[in-house]
Amino acid sequence: VATQMLAFAHFPAHADPATLDPDIPRRLALIYFPVTFVLYALAFGCLGFYRISRATHEDNLRRVAADAGRPHDPPKSSPDA
């Protein structure tokens, strides 16, 4: 994503800050802040749908511990393989 933002802002490779056109960092900022806001909003939105409680967590730990003592079946190969 960072590379795409630099390309979209027409940021030159091996740029020298002393000779960089002042419009380029401004364009980069105008791209960076909205993209960052959207990505963080998506992340927080995903976290909002993640439901877990102490009881759910403890139940998951019990199931993992129970599975740890049980032998696992090897993966079944398909007849086409």
N, C-alpha and C. Protein backbone atom coordinates (compact mmCIF):
# COMPACT_ATOMS: atom_id res chain seq x y z
N VAL A 1 0.84 -1.19 0.00
CA VAL A 1 0.00 0.00 0.00
C VAL A 1 0.88 1.25 0.00
N ALA A 2 1.96 1.21 0.79
CA ALA A 2 2.84 2.38 0.85
C ALA A 2 3.47 2.67 -0.51
N THR A 3 3.88 1.63 -1.21
CA THR A 3 4.47 1.82 -2.53
C THR A 3 3.46 2.40 -3.50
N GLN A 4 2.23 1.94 -3.41
CA GLN A 4 1.19 2.47 -4.30
C GLN A 4 0.91 3.94 -4.00
N MET A 5 0.93 4.31 -2.72
CA MET A 5 0.72 5.72 -2.38
C MET A 5 1.86 6.59 -2.91
N LEU A 6 3.11 6.10 -2.80
CA LEU A 6 4.24 6.86 -3.33
C LEU A 6 4.13 7.01 -4.84
N ALA A 7 3.73 5.94 -5.50
CA ALA A 7 3.59 6.01 -6.96
C ALA A 7 2.47 6.95 -7.35
N PHE A 8 1.36 6.90 -6.62
CA PHE A 8 0.22 7.77 -6.93
C PHE A 8 0.57 9.24 -6.72
N ALA A 9 1.45 9.53 -5.74
CA ALA A 9 1.87 10.91 -5.49
C ALA A 9 3.00 11.34 -6.41
N HIS A 10 3.48 10.42 -7.30
CA HIS A 10 4.59 10.69 -8.21
C HIS A 10 5.85 11.05 -7.44
N PHE A 11 6.10 10.32 -6.35
CA PHE A 11 7.29 10.54 -5.55
C PHE A 11 8.48 9.92 -6.28
N PRO A 12 9.53 10.71 -6.57
CA PRO A 12 10.65 10.19 -7.37
C PRO A 12 11.54 9.24 -6.54
N ALA A 13 12.10 8.25 -7.22
CA ALA A 13 13.06 7.35 -6.58
C ALA A 13 14.33 8.13 -6.28
N HIS A 14 14.95 7.83 -5.15
CA HIS A 14 16.20 8.48 -4.74
C HIS A 14 16.04 10.00 -4.69
N ALA A 15 14.94 10.45 -4.13
CA ALA A 15 14.67 11.89 -4.06
C ALA A 15 15.59 12.58 -3.06
N ASP A 16 16.01 13.76 -3.42
CA ASP A 16 16.82 14.59 -2.53
C ASP A 16 15.88 15.61 -1.88
N PRO A 17 15.77 15.60 -0.55
CA PRO A 17 14.84 16.52 0.10
C PRO A 17 15.11 17.99 -0.22
N ALA A 18 16.35 18.33 -0.51
CA ALA A 18 16.67 19.73 -0.81
C ALA A 18 16.09 20.18 -2.14
N THR A 19 15.96 19.26 -3.08
CA THR A 19 15.49 19.64 -4.42
C THR A 19 14.10 19.10 -4.74
N LEU A 20 13.44 18.51 -3.77
CA LEU A 20 12.12 17.92 -4.00
C LEU A 20 11.07 19.00 -4.18
N ASP A 21 10.25 18.84 -5.18
CA ASP A 21 9.15 19.78 -5.42
C ASP A 21 8.23 19.76 -4.20
N PRO A 22 7.93 20.93 -3.60
CA PRO A 22 7.10 20.98 -2.40
C PRO A 22 5.68 20.42 -2.61
N ASP A 23 5.25 20.35 -3.84
CA ASP A 23 3.91 19.83 -4.11
C ASP A 23 3.84 18.32 -3.88
N ILE A 24 4.97 17.61 -4.03
CA ILE A 24 4.97 16.15 -3.90
C ILE A 24 4.66 15.71 -2.47
N PRO A 25 5.34 16.26 -1.42
CA PRO A 25 4.97 15.86 -0.06
C PRO A 25 3.52 16.23 0.30
N ARG A 26 3.04 17.34 -0.26
CA ARG A 26 1.65 17.73 -0.01
C ARG A 26 0.70 16.71 -0.60
N ARG A 27 0.97 16.28 -1.85
CA ARG A 27 0.14 15.25 -2.47
C ARG A 27 0.20 13.95 -1.69
N LEU A 28 1.39 13.60 -1.22
CA LEU A 28 1.55 12.38 -0.45
C LEU A 28 0.73 12.45 0.84
N ALA A 29 0.74 13.59 1.50
CA ALA A 29 -0.05 13.75 2.72
C ALA A 29 -1.54 13.67 2.42
N LEU A 30 -1.95 14.25 1.30
CA LEU A 30 -3.37 14.21 0.93
C LEU A 30 -3.83 12.80 0.58
N ILE A 31 -2.89 11.95 0.22
CA ILE A 31 -3.20 10.54 -0.06
C ILE A 31 -3.10 9.72 1.23
N TYR A 32 -2.03 9.97 1.99
CA TYR A 32 -1.72 9.15 3.16
C TYR A 32 -2.80 9.22 4.23
N PHE A 33 -3.24 10.40 4.59
CA PHE A 33 -4.17 10.53 5.71
C PHE A 33 -5.52 9.88 5.45
N PRO A 34 -6.14 10.08 4.29
CA PRO A 34 -7.41 9.37 4.06
C PRO A 34 -7.25 7.85 3.98
N VAL A 35 -6.16 7.38 3.34
CA VAL A 35 -5.94 5.94 3.24
C VAL A 35 -5.74 5.35 4.64
N THR A 36 -4.93 6.00 5.45
CA THR A 36 -4.70 5.53 6.82
C THR A 36 -6.00 5.52 7.61
N PHE A 37 -6.80 6.55 7.48
CA PHE A 37 -8.07 6.61 8.20
C PHE A 37 -8.97 5.45 7.79
N VAL A 38 -9.07 5.18 6.51
CA VAL A 38 -9.92 4.09 6.02
C VAL A 38 -9.42 2.74 6.51
N LEU A 39 -8.11 2.51 6.46
CA LEU A 39 -7.56 1.24 6.92
C LEU A 39 -7.78 1.03 8.42
N TYR A 40 -7.60 2.08 9.21
CA TYR A 40 -7.86 1.97 10.64
C TYR A 40 -9.35 1.76 10.91
N ALA A 41 -10.21 2.44 10.16
CA ALA A 41 -11.65 2.25 10.34
C ALA A 41 -12.06 0.81 10.02
N LEU A 42 -11.48 0.24 8.97
CA LEU A 42 -11.76 -1.16 8.64
C LEU A 42 -11.27 -2.09 9.74
N ALA A 43 -10.10 -1.82 10.28
CA ALA A 43 -9.56 -2.67 11.36
C ALA A 43 -10.45 -2.59 12.60
N PHE A 44 -10.85 -1.39 12.98
CA PHE A 44 -11.74 -1.25 14.14
C PHE A 44 -13.10 -1.88 13.87
N GLY A 45 -13.57 -1.77 12.65
CA GLY A 45 -14.84 -2.42 12.30
C GLY A 45 -14.75 -3.93 12.43
N CYS A 46 -13.64 -4.51 11.99
CA CYS A 46 -13.46 -5.96 12.14
C CYS A 46 -13.39 -6.35 13.60
N LEU A 47 -12.70 -5.56 14.40
CA LEU A 47 -12.61 -5.86 15.83
C LEU A 47 -13.97 -5.74 16.51
N GLY A 48 -14.82 -4.88 15.99
CA GLY A 48 -16.16 -4.73 16.56
C GLY A 48 -17.01 -5.97 16.41
N PHE A 49 -16.74 -6.78 15.39
CA PHE A 49 -17.51 -8.00 15.18
C PHE A 49 -16.88 -9.21 15.87
N TYR A 50 -15.71 -9.04 16.47
CA TYR A 50 -15.03 -10.15 17.15
C TYR A 50 -15.57 -10.23 18.57
N ARG A 51 -16.34 -11.26 18.82
CA ARG A 51 -16.97 -11.41 20.13
C ARG A 51 -16.27 -12.52 20.91
N ILE A 52 -15.80 -12.18 22.09
CA ILE A 52 -15.22 -13.18 22.97
C ILE A 52 -15.41 -12.69 24.40
N SER A 53 -15.68 -13.63 25.27
CA SER A 53 -15.82 -13.32 26.69
C SER A 53 -14.85 -14.21 27.46
N ARG A 54 -14.75 -13.98 28.74
CA ARG A 54 -13.88 -14.80 29.56
C ARG A 54 -14.34 -16.25 29.51
N ALA A 55 -15.65 -16.47 29.55
CA ALA A 55 -16.18 -17.84 29.52
C ALA A 55 -15.85 -18.52 28.19
N THR A 56 -16.00 -17.80 27.09
CA THR A 56 -15.67 -18.36 25.77
C THR A 56 -14.19 -18.70 25.69
N HIS A 57 -13.36 -17.80 26.21
CA HIS A 57 -11.91 -18.04 26.18
C HIS A 57 -11.56 -19.28 27.00
N GLU A 58 -12.12 -19.40 28.18
CA GLU A 58 -11.83 -20.55 29.03
C GLU A 58 -12.33 -21.84 28.39
N ASP A 59 -13.47 -21.79 27.73
CA ASP A 59 -13.98 -22.96 27.02
C ASP A 59 -13.03 -23.35 25.88
N ASN A 60 -12.52 -22.35 25.15
CA ASN A 60 -11.56 -22.64 24.08
C ASN A 60 -10.29 -23.28 24.65
N LEU A 61 -9.82 -22.80 25.80
CA LEU A 61 -8.63 -23.39 26.43
C LEU A 61 -8.90 -24.85 26.84
N ARG A 62 -10.08 -25.12 27.36
CA ARG A 62 -10.42 -26.50 27.74
C ARG A 62 -10.43 -27.41 26.52
N ARG A 63 -11.01 -26.92 25.41
CA ARG A 63 -11.06 -27.74 24.20
C ARG A 63 -9.67 -27.98 23.61
N VAL A 64 -8.81 -26.99 23.66
CA VAL A 64 -7.44 -27.16 23.16
C VAL A 64 -6.70 -28.18 24.03
N ALA A 65 -6.87 -28.07 25.35
CA ALA A 65 -6.21 -29.01 26.25
C ALA A 65 -6.72 -30.42 26.02
N ALA A 66 -8.02 -30.57 25.78
CA ALA A 66 -8.58 -31.90 25.53
C ALA A 66 -8.05 -32.45 24.21
N ASP A 67 -7.95 -31.61 23.20
CA ASP A 67 -7.43 -32.06 21.90
C ASP A 67 -5.94 -32.40 21.97
N ALA A 68 -5.21 -31.78 22.87
CA ALA A 68 -3.77 -32.03 22.97
C ALA A 68 -3.48 -33.46 23.42
N GLY A 69 -4.37 -34.04 24.20
CA GLY A 69 -4.16 -35.40 24.67
C GLY A 69 -4.70 -36.46 23.73
N ARG A 70 -5.39 -36.06 22.70
CA ARG A 70 -6.03 -36.98 21.76
C ARG A 70 -5.18 -37.07 20.50
N PRO A 71 -4.90 -38.27 20.00
CA PRO A 71 -4.15 -38.37 18.74
C PRO A 71 -4.99 -37.84 17.58
N HIS A 72 -4.33 -37.17 16.70
CA HIS A 72 -5.02 -36.60 15.55
C HIS A 72 -4.97 -37.56 14.38
N ASP A 73 -6.04 -37.61 13.62
CA ASP A 73 -6.08 -38.44 12.43
C ASP A 73 -5.18 -37.82 11.37
N PRO A 74 -4.42 -38.64 10.66
CA PRO A 74 -3.60 -38.08 9.57
C PRO A 74 -4.51 -37.58 8.46
N PRO A 75 -4.07 -36.60 7.70
CA PRO A 75 -4.89 -36.10 6.61
C PRO A 75 -5.18 -37.19 5.60
N LYS A 76 -6.40 -37.23 5.14
CA LYS A 76 -6.80 -38.25 4.15
C LYS A 76 -6.41 -37.78 2.77
N SER A 77 -5.76 -38.67 2.03
CA SER A 77 -5.40 -38.33 0.67
C SER A 77 -6.58 -38.63 -0.22
N SER A 78 -6.74 -37.84 -1.24
CA SER A 78 -7.86 -38.06 -2.15
C SER A 78 -7.51 -39.19 -3.12
N PRO A 79 -8.50 -39.91 -3.60
CA PRO A 79 -8.22 -41.01 -4.52
C PRO A 79 -7.64 -40.53 -5.83
N ASP A 80 -7.84 -39.25 -6.18
CA ASP A 80 -7.33 -38.72 -7.44
C ASP A 80 -5.84 -38.42 -7.37
N ALA A 81 -5.28 -38.36 -6.18
CA ALA A 81 -3.87 -37.94 -6.04
C ALA A 81 -2.91 -39.03 -6.41
